[in-house]
Amino acid sequence: MATEPGSNINCFEIAGFCFQNGSTLSTARLAYLDINPSSQKTALIITSFRGRLQSTLTFENGALQKYRIIVVALFGNGESSSPSNSAEFPDSIDYRDCVRAQRLLLEALGIKVLDIVMGFSMGGQCAYYWTAMHPEFVRNAIIICASARTSRHNYQFLEGPKAALVNSIDYIAYKSNGSGASDNPVRGLRAFGKAYSAWLTSAEWFDRELYLTLGYRSFRDWDHHVAGLNYDSWNPDDLLAKLRMWQGGDITKADQRAADQSLEETLSRIQARVLLMPCLTDQYFRWEASERESSHLPRATLKVIPSVWGHLAGFGVNGEDTEWMDREIAEFVAD
């Protein structure tokens, strides 16, 4: 274990980590935060697609204030092992890789059971994998704006920003030049952001001009920053690695107790109590999918976030949505 100089970010290293695709990293790294380390109960919170450790919603001052909170970065997010910081990083990664590495971290920290595993978006999908891979280890799962399987509609949506990036002239040059850190393909990253931007919230969010509540002076100002500059600091291959993992999300792959079982069968075998919190207006993790999943989970609670903020409702951007989730989580963990 080590702490990065000048920060509270810890680093856990795993020698000879083997990924699902058969490739091996001589040293795999997990970046994580350890909040309230003396608390008796433990919550594992997993970062999202564009989430960093410090930007991840933890509810540490609310519903989870009495928990030891381990916030762990997904492989590919630029803090844990990723294309941007490891020349050996594999061409493809899987949520199972993340869960296996996270389990090793928890064992090293002496944690024998997870009272809660929680995540938003990709973090929620990874939390779902935890319930299927380690049913004896997880007591409760909180899944925010995510799904047990990436839908075809969700998969196809992601093809748009991916195509905008990989077909950009500067990304092609970037790959031809050996992916040097000094020549980030800004045009491609901004095209990625443009293709992604309208999906983040909802049509009603745009109609109400709610971008003004974030401090932007106009729609053009929001578009310039969120759909233009938002991805400039991201490594393109980190984004693509995580995007491919997202597209491959399917917890039927995670349960090794039975081969070729359906999604419904996999869900029915989950032992943990599960709180599903989709957003009413999420355009790619649709609340109806969570409703269907809840009907097959033995111990499910479904709470739909009543918000026009779409997928961003679960990220903590809008205070009203965050307060709503905090209340629902507090009620769930109190049972």
C-alpha atoms as a PDB file:
ATOM      1  CA  MET A   1       0.000   0.000   0.000  1.00  0.00           C
ATOM      2  CA  ALA A   2       1.181   3.524  -0.742  1.00  0.00           C
ATOM      3  CA  THR A   3      -0.234   7.058  -0.683  1.00  0.00           C
ATOM      4  CA  GLU A   4       0.357   9.447  -3.563  1.00  0.00           C
ATOM      5  CA  PRO A   5       2.435  12.462  -2.456  1.00  0.00           C
ATOM      6  CA  GLY A   6       0.310  15.506  -1.690  1.00  0.00           C
ATOM      7  CA  SER A   7      -3.024  13.664  -1.786  1.00  0.00           C
ATOM      8  CA  ASN A   8      -5.146  11.203   0.128  1.00  0.00           C
ATOM      9  CA  ILE A   9      -5.236   8.790  -2.805  1.00  0.00           C
ATOM     10  CA  ASN A  10      -3.877   5.358  -1.942  1.00  0.00           C
ATOM     11  CA  CYS A  11      -2.375   2.849  -4.347  1.00  0.00           C
ATOM     12  CA  PHE A  12      -2.670  -0.923  -4.125  1.00  0.00           C
ATOM     13  CA  GLU A  13      -0.407  -2.970  -6.382  1.00  0.00           C
ATOM     14  CA  ILE A  14      -1.057  -6.516  -7.610  1.00  0.00           C
ATOM     15  CA  ALA A  15       1.831  -8.472  -9.094  1.00  0.00           C
ATOM     16  CA  GLY A  16       1.184 -10.519 -12.221  1.00  0.00           C
ATOM     17  CA  PHE A  17      -2.509  -9.691 -12.566  1.00  0.00           C
ATOM     18  CA  CYS A  18      -4.186 -11.763 -15.284  1.00  0.00           C
ATOM     19  CA  PHE A  19      -7.145 -10.290 -17.167  1.00  0.00           C
ATOM     20  CA  GLN A  20     -10.152 -12.104 -18.605  1.00  0.00           C
ATOM     21  CA  ASN A  21      -8.707 -11.879 -22.106  1.00  0.00           C
ATOM     22  CA  GLY A  22      -5.598 -13.794 -20.994  1.00  0.00           C
ATOM     23  CA  SER A  23      -3.178 -10.874 -20.956  1.00  0.00           C
ATOM     24  CA  THR A  24      -1.123 -10.100 -17.864  1.00  0.00           C
ATOM     25  CA  LEU A  25       0.113  -6.906 -16.234  1.00  0.00           C
ATOM     26  CA  SER A  26       3.385  -7.321 -14.400  1.00  0.00           C
ATOM     27  CA  THR A  27       1.989  -4.871 -11.828  1.00  0.00           C
ATOM     28  CA  ALA A  28      -1.662  -3.832 -11.776  1.00  0.00           C
ATOM     29  CA  ARG A  29      -2.565  -0.754  -9.754  1.00  0.00           C
ATOM     30  CA  LEU A  30      -5.789   0.175  -8.000  1.00  0.00           C
ATOM     31  CA  ALA A  31      -6.203   3.768  -6.841  1.00  0.00           C
ATOM     32  CA  TYR A  32      -8.581   4.255  -3.938  1.00  0.00           C
ATOM     33  CA  LEU A  33      -9.722   6.463  -1.068  1.00  0.00           C
ATOM     34  CA  ASP A  34     -10.230   5.184   2.457  1.00  0.00           C
ATOM     35  CA  ILE A  35     -12.773   7.372   4.288  1.00  0.00           C
ATOM     36  CA  ASN A  36     -13.681   6.863   7.966  1.00  0.00           C
ATOM     37  CA  PRO A  37     -11.295   3.884   8.277  1.00  0.00           C
ATOM     38  CA  SER A  38     -12.187   3.228  11.927  1.00  0.00           C
ATOM     39  CA  SER A  39     -15.899   2.621  11.249  1.00  0.00           C
ATOM     40  CA  GLN A  40     -17.200  -0.905  11.762  1.00  0.00           C
ATOM     41  CA  LYS A  41     -19.373  -1.208   8.643  1.00  0.00           C
ATOM     42  CA  THR A  42     -17.878  -0.978   5.156  1.00  0.00           C
ATOM     43  CA  ALA A  43     -19.192   0.441   1.881  1.00  0.00           C
ATOM     44  CA  LEU A  44     -17.340  -0.016  -1.409  1.00  0.00           C
ATOM     45  CA  ILE A  45     -18.114   2.721  -3.943  1.00  0.00           C
ATOM     46  CA  ILE A  46     -16.914   2.309  -7.539  1.00  0.00           C
ATOM     47  CA  THR A  47     -16.195   5.172  -9.948  1.00  0.00           C
ATOM     48  CA  SER A  48     -18.236   5.788 -13.106  1.00  0.00           C
ATOM     49  CA  PHE A  49     -17.371   6.225 -16.791  1.00  0.00           C
ATOM     50  CA  ARG A  50     -15.945   9.727 -16.504  1.00  0.00           C
ATOM     51  CA  GLY A  51     -15.597   9.631 -12.738  1.00  0.00           C
ATOM     52  CA  ARG A  52     -12.448  10.277 -10.750  1.00  0.00           C
ATOM     53  CA  LEU A  53     -12.022   9.346  -7.121  1.00  0.00           C
ATOM     54  CA  GLN A  54     -12.477  12.888  -5.855  1.00  0.00           C
ATOM     55  CA  SER A  55     -15.581  13.548  -7.975  1.00  0.00           C
ATOM     56  CA  THR A  56     -17.444  10.393  -6.931  1.00  0.00           C
ATOM     57  CA  LEU A  57     -20.584  10.833  -4.838  1.00  0.00           C
ATOM     58  CA  THR A  58     -20.058   9.103  -1.464  1.00  0.00           C
ATOM     59  CA  PHE A  59     -22.885  10.305   0.836  1.00  0.00           C
ATOM     60  CA  GLU A  60     -20.186  10.420   3.538  1.00  0.00           C
ATOM     61  CA  ASN A  61     -21.896  13.341   5.277  1.00  0.00           C
ATOM     62  CA  GLY A  62     -25.338  11.780   4.997  1.00  0.00           C
ATOM     63  CA  ALA A  63     -26.635   8.238   4.660  1.00  0.00           C
ATOM     64  CA  LEU A  64     -23.177   6.612   4.853  1.00  0.00           C
ATOM     65  CA  GLN A  65     -21.582   8.805   7.506  1.00  0.00           C
ATOM     66  CA  LYS A  66     -21.191   5.838   9.880  1.00  0.00           C
ATOM     67  CA  TYR A  67     -19.524   3.614   7.276  1.00  0.00           C
ATOM     68  CA  ARG A  68     -15.951   3.031   6.315  1.00  0.00           C
ATOM     69  CA  ILE A  69     -16.077   4.062   2.671  1.00  0.00           C
ATOM     70  CA  ILE A  70     -13.624   2.615   0.163  1.00  0.00           C
ATOM     71  CA  VAL A  71     -13.858   4.514  -3.126  1.00  0.00           C
ATOM     72  CA  VAL A  72     -12.055   2.585  -5.836  1.00  0.00           C
ATOM     73  CA  ALA A  73     -11.211   3.670  -9.391  1.00  0.00           C
ATOM     74  CA  LEU A  74     -12.199   1.426 -12.269  1.00  0.00           C
ATOM     75  CA  PHE A  75      -9.470   0.076 -14.483  1.00  0.00           C
ATOM     76  CA  GLY A  76      -9.121   2.532 -17.369  1.00  0.00           C
ATOM     77  CA  ASN A  77     -10.058   5.727 -15.525  1.00  0.00           C
ATOM     78  CA  GLY A  78      -6.482   7.099 -15.527  1.00  0.00           C
ATOM     79  CA  GLU A  79      -5.991   6.669 -11.766  1.00  0.00           C
ATOM     80  CA  SER A  80      -6.017   2.878 -11.592  1.00  0.00           C
ATOM     81  CA  SER A  81      -4.115   0.942 -14.285  1.00  0.00           C
ATOM     82  CA  SER A  82      -5.110   2.309 -17.684  1.00  0.00           C
ATOM     83  CA  PRO A  83      -3.802   2.671 -21.243  1.00  0.00           C
ATOM     84  CA  SER A  84      -2.505   6.131 -20.266  1.00  0.00           C
ATOM     85  CA  ASN A  85      -0.247   4.870 -17.475  1.00  0.00           C
ATOM     86  CA  SER A  86       0.638   1.325 -18.513  1.00  0.00           C
ATOM     87  CA  ALA A  87       2.224   0.251 -21.791  1.00  0.00           C
ATOM     88  CA  GLU A  88       1.204  -3.336 -20.971  1.00  0.00           C
ATOM     89  CA  PHE A  89      -2.480  -2.540 -20.532  1.00  0.00           C
ATOM     90  CA  PRO A  90      -4.693  -5.060 -22.377  1.00  0.00           C
ATOM     91  CA  ASP A  91      -6.740  -4.319 -25.478  1.00  0.00           C
ATOM     92  CA  SER A  92      -9.961  -5.240 -23.705  1.00  0.00           C
ATOM     93  CA  ILE A  93     -11.097  -5.241 -20.091  1.00  0.00           C
ATOM     94  CA  ASP A  94     -14.083  -6.709 -18.308  1.00  0.00           C
ATOM     95  CA  TYR A  95     -16.008  -5.835 -15.169  1.00  0.00           C
ATOM     96  CA  ARG A  96     -14.865  -9.204 -13.811  1.00  0.00           C
ATOM     97  CA  ASP A  97     -11.283  -7.919 -13.960  1.00  0.00           C
ATOM     98  CA  CYS A  98     -12.269  -4.934 -11.827  1.00  0.00           C
ATOM     99  CA  VAL A  99     -14.131  -7.035  -9.268  1.00  0.00           C
ATOM    100  CA  ARG A 100     -11.308  -9.567  -8.892  1.00  0.00           C
ATOM    101  CA  ALA A 101      -8.781  -6.782  -8.311  1.00  0.00           C
ATOM    102  CA  GLN A 102     -11.098  -4.983  -5.890  1.00  0.00           C
ATOM    103  CA  ARG A 103     -11.588  -8.215  -3.928  1.00  0.00           C
ATOM    104  CA  LEU A 104      -7.820  -8.514  -3.528  1.00  0.00           C
ATOM    105  CA  LEU A 105      -7.697  -4.928  -2.267  1.00  0.00           C
ATOM    106  CA  LEU A 106     -10.407  -5.580   0.320  1.00  0.00           C
ATOM    107  CA  GLU A 107      -8.656  -8.725   1.500  1.00  0.00           C
ATOM    108  CA  ALA A 108      -5.431  -6.743   1.910  1.00  0.00           C
ATOM    109  CA  LEU A 109      -7.367  -4.182   3.977  1.00  0.00           C
ATOM    110  CA  GLY A 110      -8.712  -6.967   6.193  1.00  0.00           C
ATOM    111  CA  ILE A 111     -12.336  -6.496   5.091  1.00  0.00           C
ATOM    112  CA  LYS A 112     -14.225  -9.783   5.330  1.00  0.00           C
ATOM    113  CA  VAL A 113     -17.685  -8.637   4.252  1.00  0.00           C
ATOM    114  CA  LEU A 114     -19.170  -5.704   2.334  1.00  0.00           C
ATOM    115  CA  ASP A 115     -22.151  -4.170   4.049  1.00  0.00           C
ATOM    116  CA  ILE A 116     -22.731  -2.106   0.903  1.00  0.00           C
ATOM    117  CA  VAL A 117     -21.400  -2.091  -2.624  1.00  0.00           C
ATOM    118  CA  MET A 118     -22.537   0.965  -4.548  1.00  0.00           C
ATOM    119  CA  GLY A 119     -21.988   2.621  -7.873  1.00  0.00           C
ATOM    120  CA  PHE A 120     -23.408   5.043 -10.403  1.00  0.00           C
ATOM    121  CA  SER A 121     -23.527   4.237 -14.132  1.00  0.00           C
ATOM    122  CA  MET A 122     -20.540   1.977 -14.908  1.00  0.00           C
ATOM    123  CA  GLY A 123     -19.885   1.833 -11.171  1.00  0.00           C
ATOM    124  CA  GLY A 124     -23.427   0.511 -10.744  1.00  0.00           C
ATOM    125  CA  GLN A 125     -22.868  -2.153 -13.359  1.00  0.00           C
ATOM    126  CA  CYS A 126     -19.676  -3.198 -11.584  1.00  0.00           C
ATOM    127  CA  ALA A 127     -21.587  -3.326  -8.281  1.00  0.00           C
ATOM    128  CA  TYR A 128     -24.101  -5.651  -9.947  1.00  0.00           C
ATOM    129  CA  TYR A 129     -21.204  -7.935 -10.934  1.00  0.00           C
ATOM    130  CA  TRP A 130     -20.138  -8.044  -7.275  1.00  0.00           C
ATOM    131  CA  THR A 131     -23.531  -9.460  -6.258  1.00  0.00           C
ATOM    132  CA  ALA A 132     -23.258 -12.255  -8.833  1.00  0.00           C
ATOM    133  CA  MET A 133     -19.566 -13.085  -8.373  1.00  0.00           C
ATOM    134  CA  HIS A 134     -19.368 -12.944  -4.568  1.00  0.00           C
ATOM    135  CA  PRO A 135     -22.845 -13.586  -3.129  1.00  0.00           C
ATOM    136  CA  GLU A 136     -21.383 -14.620   0.224  1.00  0.00           C
ATOM    137  CA  PHE A 137     -19.438 -11.354   0.533  1.00  0.00           C
ATOM    138  CA  VAL A 138     -22.058  -8.702  -0.285  1.00  0.00           C
ATOM    139  CA  ARG A 139     -24.958  -7.885   2.019  1.00  0.00           C
ATOM    140  CA  ASN A 140     -26.455  -4.889   0.200  1.00  0.00           C
ATOM    141  CA  ALA A 141     -26.066  -3.322  -3.227  1.00  0.00           C
ATOM    142  CA  ILE A 142     -27.077   0.182  -4.314  1.00  0.00           C
ATOM    143  CA  ILE A 143     -27.311   0.523  -8.089  1.00  0.00           C
ATOM    144  CA  ILE A 144     -27.719   4.104  -9.344  1.00  0.00           C
ATOM    145  CA  CYS A 145     -28.622   4.774 -12.999  1.00  0.00           C
ATOM    146  CA  ALA A 146     -27.241   1.462 -14.233  1.00  0.00           C
ATOM    147  CA  SER A 147     -28.370  -1.970 -15.416  1.00  0.00           C
ATOM    148  CA  ALA A 148     -27.497  -5.632 -15.086  1.00  0.00           C
ATOM    149  CA  ARG A 149     -26.951  -5.874 -18.836  1.00  0.00           C
ATOM    150  CA  THR A 150     -26.088  -3.123 -21.325  1.00  0.00           C
ATOM    151  CA  SER A 151     -29.040  -2.848 -23.689  1.00  0.00           C
ATOM    152  CA  ARG A 152     -28.632  -2.835 -27.455  1.00  0.00           C
ATOM    153  CA  HIS A 153     -29.911   0.738 -27.502  1.00  0.00           C
ATOM    154  CA  ASN A 154     -27.285   1.756 -24.944  1.00  0.00           C
ATOM    155  CA  TYR A 155     -24.612  -0.139 -26.885  1.00  0.00           C
ATOM    156  CA  GLN A 156     -25.525   1.646 -30.104  1.00  0.00           C
ATOM    157  CA  PHE A 157     -25.602   5.065 -28.463  1.00  0.00           C
ATOM    158  CA  LEU A 158     -21.973   4.516 -27.406  1.00  0.00           C
ATOM    159  CA  GLU A 159     -21.015   3.678 -30.984  1.00  0.00           C
ATOM    160  CA  GLY A 160     -21.691   7.327 -31.896  1.00  0.00           C
ATOM    161  CA  PRO A 161     -19.124   9.080 -29.667  1.00  0.00           C
ATOM    162  CA  LYS A 162     -16.690   6.214 -30.234  1.00  0.00           C
ATOM    163  CA  ALA A 163     -16.889   6.651 -34.026  1.00  0.00           C
ATOM    164  CA  ALA A 164     -16.516  10.433 -33.686  1.00  0.00           C
ATOM    165  CA  LEU A 165     -13.273   9.933 -31.764  1.00  0.00           C
ATOM    166  CA  VAL A 166     -11.572   7.087 -33.611  1.00  0.00           C
ATOM    167  CA  ASN A 167     -12.339   8.533 -37.063  1.00  0.00           C
ATOM    168  CA  SER A 168     -11.043  12.004 -36.250  1.00  0.00           C
ATOM    169  CA  ILE A 169      -7.973  13.096 -38.165  1.00  0.00           C
ATOM    170  CA  ASP A 170      -5.968  13.850 -35.041  1.00  0.00           C
ATOM    171  CA  TYR A 171      -6.779  10.533 -33.325  1.00  0.00           C
ATOM    172  CA  ILE A 172      -5.567   8.694 -36.420  1.00  0.00           C
ATOM    173  CA  ALA A 173      -2.377  10.756 -36.304  1.00  0.00           C
ATOM    174  CA  TYR A 174      -2.124  10.202 -32.549  1.00  0.00           C
ATOM    175  CA  LYS A 175      -2.161   6.431 -33.027  1.00  0.00           C
ATOM    176  CA  SER A 176       0.272   6.622 -35.931  1.00  0.00           C
ATOM    177  CA  ASN A 177       2.713   8.624 -33.805  1.00  0.00           C
ATOM    178  CA  GLY A 178       2.706   6.154 -30.932  1.00  0.00           C
ATOM    179  CA  SER A 179       0.092   7.790 -28.674  1.00  0.00           C
ATOM    180  CA  GLY A 180       2.484  10.349 -27.206  1.00  0.00           C
ATOM    181  CA  ALA A 181       1.183  12.197 -24.148  1.00  0.00           C
ATOM    182  CA  SER A 182       1.953  15.595 -25.693  1.00  0.00           C
ATOM    183  CA  ASP A 183      -0.304  15.220 -28.728  1.00  0.00           C
ATOM    184  CA  ASN A 184      -3.729  14.459 -27.268  1.00  0.00           C
ATOM    185  CA  PRO A 185      -6.256  14.386 -30.145  1.00  0.00           C
ATOM    186  CA  VAL A 186      -8.303  17.381 -29.023  1.00  0.00           C
ATOM    187  CA  ARG A 187     -10.475  17.489 -32.140  1.00  0.00           C
ATOM    188  CA  GLY A 188     -11.432  13.862 -31.662  1.00  0.00           C
ATOM    189  CA  LEU A 189     -12.082  14.300 -27.950  1.00  0.00           C
ATOM    190  CA  ARG A 190     -14.321  17.298 -28.624  1.00  0.00           C
ATOM    191  CA  ALA A 191     -16.195  15.357 -31.308  1.00  0.00           C
ATOM    192  CA  PHE A 192     -16.668  12.593 -28.719  1.00  0.00           C
ATOM    193  CA  GLY A 193     -18.083  15.154 -26.285  1.00  0.00           C
ATOM    194  CA  LYS A 194     -20.446  16.602 -28.889  1.00  0.00           C
ATOM    195  CA  ALA A 195     -21.823  13.173 -29.791  1.00  0.00           C
ATOM    196  CA  TYR A 196     -22.266  12.341 -26.112  1.00  0.00           C
ATOM    197  CA  SER A 197     -23.670  15.614 -24.786  1.00  0.00           C
ATOM    198  CA  ALA A 198     -27.382  15.487 -25.664  1.00  0.00           C
ATOM    199  CA  TRP A 199     -27.740  12.067 -24.035  1.00  0.00           C
ATOM    200  CA  LEU A 200     -26.609  13.219 -20.588  1.00  0.00           C
ATOM    201  CA  THR A 201     -29.883  14.800 -19.460  1.00  0.00           C
ATOM    202  CA  SER A 202     -33.306  14.942 -21.140  1.00  0.00           C
ATOM    203  CA  ALA A 203     -35.315  16.926 -23.674  1.00  0.00           C
ATOM    204  CA  GLU A 204     -37.196  18.632 -20.856  1.00  0.00           C
ATOM    205  CA  TRP A 205     -33.907  19.637 -19.235  1.00  0.00           C
ATOM    206  CA  PHE A 206     -32.993  21.506 -22.401  1.00  0.00           C
ATOM    207  CA  ASP A 207     -36.488  22.987 -22.752  1.00  0.00           C
ATOM    208  CA  ARG A 208     -36.262  24.388 -19.216  1.00  0.00           C
ATOM    209  CA  GLU A 209     -32.772  25.772 -19.922  1.00  0.00           C
ATOM    210  CA  LEU A 210     -31.478  24.117 -16.760  1.00  0.00           C
ATOM    211  CA  TYR A 211     -27.896  24.524 -17.940  1.00  0.00           C
ATOM    212  CA  LEU A 212     -28.307  28.092 -16.633  1.00  0.00           C
ATOM    213  CA  THR A 213     -28.588  26.713 -13.080  1.00  0.00           C
ATOM    214  CA  LEU A 214     -25.018  25.403 -13.407  1.00  0.00           C
ATOM    215  CA  GLY A 215     -23.648  28.887 -13.919  1.00  0.00           C
ATOM    216  CA  TYR A 216     -23.547  28.958 -17.713  1.00  0.00           C
ATOM    217  CA  ARG A 217     -24.713  32.224 -19.236  1.00  0.00           C
ATOM    218  CA  SER A 218     -26.330  30.699 -22.306  1.00  0.00           C
ATOM    219  CA  PHE A 219     -26.897  27.470 -24.207  1.00  0.00           C
ATOM    220  CA  ARG A 220     -23.899  28.345 -26.380  1.00  0.00           C
ATOM    221  CA  ASP A 221     -21.748  28.786 -23.261  1.00  0.00           C
ATOM    222  CA  TRP A 222     -22.836  25.350 -21.934  1.00  0.00           C
ATOM    223  CA  ASP A 223     -22.229  23.767 -25.331  1.00  0.00           C
ATOM    224  CA  HIS A 224     -18.757  25.281 -25.540  1.00  0.00           C
ATOM    225  CA  HIS A 225     -17.672  23.890 -22.189  1.00  0.00           C
ATOM    226  CA  VAL A 226     -19.601  20.641 -21.686  1.00  0.00           C
ATOM    227  CA  ALA A 227     -19.872  19.480 -25.274  1.00  0.00           C
ATOM    228  CA  GLY A 228     -16.596  21.091 -26.289  1.00  0.00           C
ATOM    229  CA  LEU A 229     -13.888  21.257 -23.624  1.00  0.00           C
ATOM    230  CA  ASN A 230     -15.142  18.617 -21.177  1.00  0.00           C
ATOM    231  CA  TYR A 231     -12.947  15.804 -22.459  1.00  0.00           C
ATOM    232  CA  ASP A 232      -9.746  17.717 -23.257  1.00  0.00           C
ATOM    233  CA  SER A 233      -7.929  16.338 -20.206  1.00  0.00           C
ATOM    234  CA  TRP A 234      -8.899  12.724 -20.829  1.00  0.00           C
ATOM    235  CA  ASN A 235      -6.700  10.201 -22.535  1.00  0.00           C
ATOM    236  CA  PRO A 236      -8.656   8.905 -25.551  1.00  0.00           C
ATOM    237  CA  ASP A 237      -7.598   5.288 -25.071  1.00  0.00           C
ATOM    238  CA  ASP A 238      -8.713   5.392 -21.432  1.00  0.00           C
ATOM    239  CA  LEU A 239     -12.165   6.496 -22.620  1.00  0.00           C
ATOM    240  CA  LEU A 240     -12.277   3.791 -25.269  1.00  0.00           C
ATOM    241  CA  ALA A 241     -11.149   1.038 -22.890  1.00  0.00           C
ATOM    242  CA  LYS A 242     -13.920   1.860 -20.437  1.00  0.00           C
ATOM    243  CA  LEU A 243     -16.477   2.367 -23.185  1.00  0.00           C
ATOM    244  CA  ARG A 244     -15.814  -1.152 -24.498  1.00  0.00           C
ATOM    245  CA  MET A 245     -16.162  -2.561 -20.955  1.00  0.00           C
ATOM    246  CA  TRP A 246     -19.475  -0.715 -20.624  1.00  0.00           C
ATOM    247  CA  GLN A 247     -20.720  -2.085 -23.933  1.00  0.00           C
ATOM    248  CA  GLY A 248     -19.875  -5.626 -22.791  1.00  0.00           C
ATOM    249  CA  GLY A 249     -21.711  -5.325 -19.469  1.00  0.00           C
ATOM    250  CA  ASP A 250     -23.743  -8.487 -18.765  1.00  0.00           C
ATOM    251  CA  ILE A 251     -23.891 -10.126 -15.338  1.00  0.00           C
ATOM    252  CA  THR A 252     -24.836 -13.506 -16.788  1.00  0.00           C
ATOM    253  CA  LYS A 253     -21.096 -13.767 -17.534  1.00  0.00           C
ATOM    254  CA  ALA A 254     -20.274 -13.204 -13.888  1.00  0.00           C
ATOM    255  CA  ASP A 255     -22.144 -16.083 -12.240  1.00  0.00           C
ATOM    256  CA  GLN A 256     -19.988 -19.179 -12.676  1.00  0.00           C
ATOM    257  CA  ARG A 257     -22.395 -21.470 -10.811  1.00  0.00           C
ATOM    258  CA  ALA A 258     -24.453 -22.219 -13.906  1.00  0.00           C
ATOM    259  CA  ALA A 259     -23.583 -22.019 -17.597  1.00  0.00           C
ATOM    260  CA  ASP A 260     -25.718 -20.296 -20.231  1.00  0.00           C
ATOM    261  CA  GLN A 261     -28.332 -19.069 -17.787  1.00  0.00           C
ATOM    262  CA  SER A 262     -30.689 -16.251 -18.679  1.00  0.00           C
ATOM    263  CA  LEU A 263     -30.547 -12.777 -17.208  1.00  0.00           C
ATOM    264  CA  GLU A 264     -33.700 -13.534 -15.243  1.00  0.00           C
ATOM    265  CA  GLU A 265     -32.128 -16.690 -13.773  1.00  0.00           C
ATOM    266  CA  THR A 266     -28.963 -14.799 -12.846  1.00  0.00           C
ATOM    267  CA  LEU A 267     -30.939 -12.072 -11.121  1.00  0.00           C
ATOM    268  CA  SER A 268     -33.016 -14.631  -9.240  1.00  0.00           C
ATOM    269  CA  ARG A 269     -29.845 -16.105  -7.708  1.00  0.00           C
ATOM    270  CA  ILE A 270     -28.617 -12.820  -6.215  1.00  0.00           C
ATOM    271  CA  GLN A 271     -28.738 -13.041  -2.430  1.00  0.00           C
ATOM    272  CA  ALA A 272     -27.982  -9.417  -1.506  1.00  0.00           C
ATOM    273  CA  ARG A 273     -30.629  -6.826  -0.809  1.00  0.00           C
ATOM    274  CA  VAL A 274     -30.601  -4.524  -3.837  1.00  0.00           C
ATOM    275  CA  LEU A 275     -31.700  -0.894  -4.048  1.00  0.00           C
ATOM    276  CA  LEU A 276     -32.247   0.114  -7.669  1.00  0.00           C
ATOM    277  CA  MET A 277     -32.324   3.866  -8.299  1.00  0.00           C
ATOM    278  CA  PRO A 278     -32.782   4.630 -11.992  1.00  0.00           C
ATOM    279  CA  CYS A 279     -33.791   8.087 -13.161  1.00  0.00           C
ATOM    280  CA  LEU A 280     -37.187   8.648 -14.757  1.00  0.00           C
ATOM    281  CA  THR A 281     -35.621  10.487 -17.726  1.00  0.00           C
ATOM    282  CA  ASP A 282     -32.317   8.598 -18.169  1.00  0.00           C
ATOM    283  CA  GLN A 283     -31.936   8.053 -21.909  1.00  0.00           C
ATOM    284  CA  TYR A 284     -29.741   4.961 -21.847  1.00  0.00           C
ATOM    285  CA  PHE A 285     -30.127   3.237 -18.465  1.00  0.00           C
ATOM    286  CA  ARG A 286     -33.915   3.385 -18.670  1.00  0.00           C
ATOM    287  CA  TRP A 287     -36.024   3.033 -15.530  1.00  0.00           C
ATOM    288  CA  GLU A 288     -38.226   0.406 -17.187  1.00  0.00           C
ATOM    289  CA  ALA A 289     -35.221  -1.938 -17.386  1.00  0.00           C
ATOM    290  CA  SER A 290     -34.657  -1.527 -13.651  1.00  0.00           C
ATOM    291  CA  GLU A 291     -38.330  -2.230 -13.040  1.00  0.00           C
ATOM    292  CA  ARG A 292     -38.044  -5.502 -14.975  1.00  0.00           C
ATOM    293  CA  GLU A 293     -34.862  -6.441 -13.116  1.00  0.00           C
ATOM    294  CA  SER A 294     -36.504  -5.747  -9.755  1.00  0.00           C
ATOM    295  CA  SER A 295     -39.249  -8.277 -10.525  1.00  0.00           C
ATOM    296  CA  HIS A 296     -36.631 -11.056 -10.699  1.00  0.00           C
ATOM    297  CA  LEU A 297     -34.424 -10.033  -7.782  1.00  0.00           C
ATOM    298  CA  PRO A 298     -35.443 -11.848  -4.579  1.00  0.00           C
ATOM    299  CA  ARG A 299     -34.812  -8.823  -2.329  1.00  0.00           C
ATOM    300  CA  ALA A 300     -35.209  -5.720  -4.464  1.00  0.00           C
ATOM    301  CA  THR A 301     -36.309  -2.174  -3.676  1.00  0.00           C
ATOM    302  CA  LEU A 302     -37.023   0.062  -6.667  1.00  0.00           C
ATOM    303  CA  LYS A 303     -36.926   3.830  -6.213  1.00  0.00           C
ATOM    304  CA  VAL A 304     -37.125   5.898  -9.412  1.00  0.00           C
ATOM    305  CA  ILE A 305     -35.420   9.302  -9.186  1.00  0.00           C
ATOM    306  CA  PRO A 306     -38.143  11.828 -10.162  1.00  0.00           C
ATOM    307  CA  SER A 307     -35.910  14.166 -12.115  1.00  0.00           C
ATOM    308  CA  VAL A 308     -35.520  15.783 -15.536  1.00  0.00           C
ATOM    309  CA  TRP A 309     -31.732  15.676 -15.143  1.00  0.00           C
ATOM    310  CA  GLY A 310     -31.559  12.299 -16.890  1.00  0.00           C
ATOM    311  CA  HIS A 311     -28.399  10.297 -16.367  1.00  0.00           C
ATOM    312  CA  LEU A 312     -26.754  13.205 -14.557  1.00  0.00           C
ATOM    313  CA  ALA A 313     -29.303  12.899 -11.753  1.00  0.00           C
ATOM    314  CA  GLY A 314     -27.235  10.040 -10.335  1.00  0.00           C
ATOM    315  CA  PHE A 315     -23.909  11.834 -10.626  1.00  0.00           C
ATOM    316  CA  GLY A 316     -24.693  14.429  -7.980  1.00  0.00           C
ATOM    317  CA  VAL A 317     -24.851  17.469 -10.279  1.00  0.00           C
ATOM    318  CA  ASN A 318     -28.256  18.630  -9.048  1.00  0.00           C
ATOM    319  CA  GLY A 319     -28.542  19.126  -5.296  1.00  0.00           C
ATOM    320  CA  GLU A 320     -32.250  18.282  -5.127  1.00  0.00           C
ATOM    321  CA  ASP A 321     -31.637  14.879  -6.731  1.00  0.00           C
ATOM    322  CA  THR A 322     -28.695  14.183  -4.439  1.00  0.00           C
ATOM    323  CA  GLU A 323     -30.769  14.968  -1.356  1.00  0.00           C
ATOM    324  CA  TRP A 324     -33.533  12.682  -2.634  1.00  0.00           C
ATOM    325  CA  MET A 325     -31.077   9.808  -3.135  1.00  0.00           C
ATOM    326  CA  ASP A 326     -29.519  10.401   0.265  1.00  0.00           C
ATOM    327  CA  ARG A 327     -32.916  10.058   1.952  1.00  0.00           C
ATOM    328  CA  GLU A 328     -33.747   6.874   0.056  1.00  0.00           C
ATOM    329  CA  ILE A 329     -30.359   5.316   0.815  1.00  0.00           C
ATOM    330  CA  ALA A 330     -30.687   6.217   4.504  1.00  0.00           C
ATOM    331  CA  GLU A 331     -34.090   4.535   4.639  1.00  0.00           C
ATOM    332  CA  PHE A 332     -32.764   1.455   2.813  1.00  0.00           C
ATOM    333  CA  VAL A 333     -29.732   0.922   5.044  1.00  0.00           C
ATOM    334  CA  ALA A 334     -31.818   1.540   8.170  1.00  0.00           C
ATOM    335  CA  ASP A 335     -34.042  -1.497   7.473  1.00  0.00           C
END
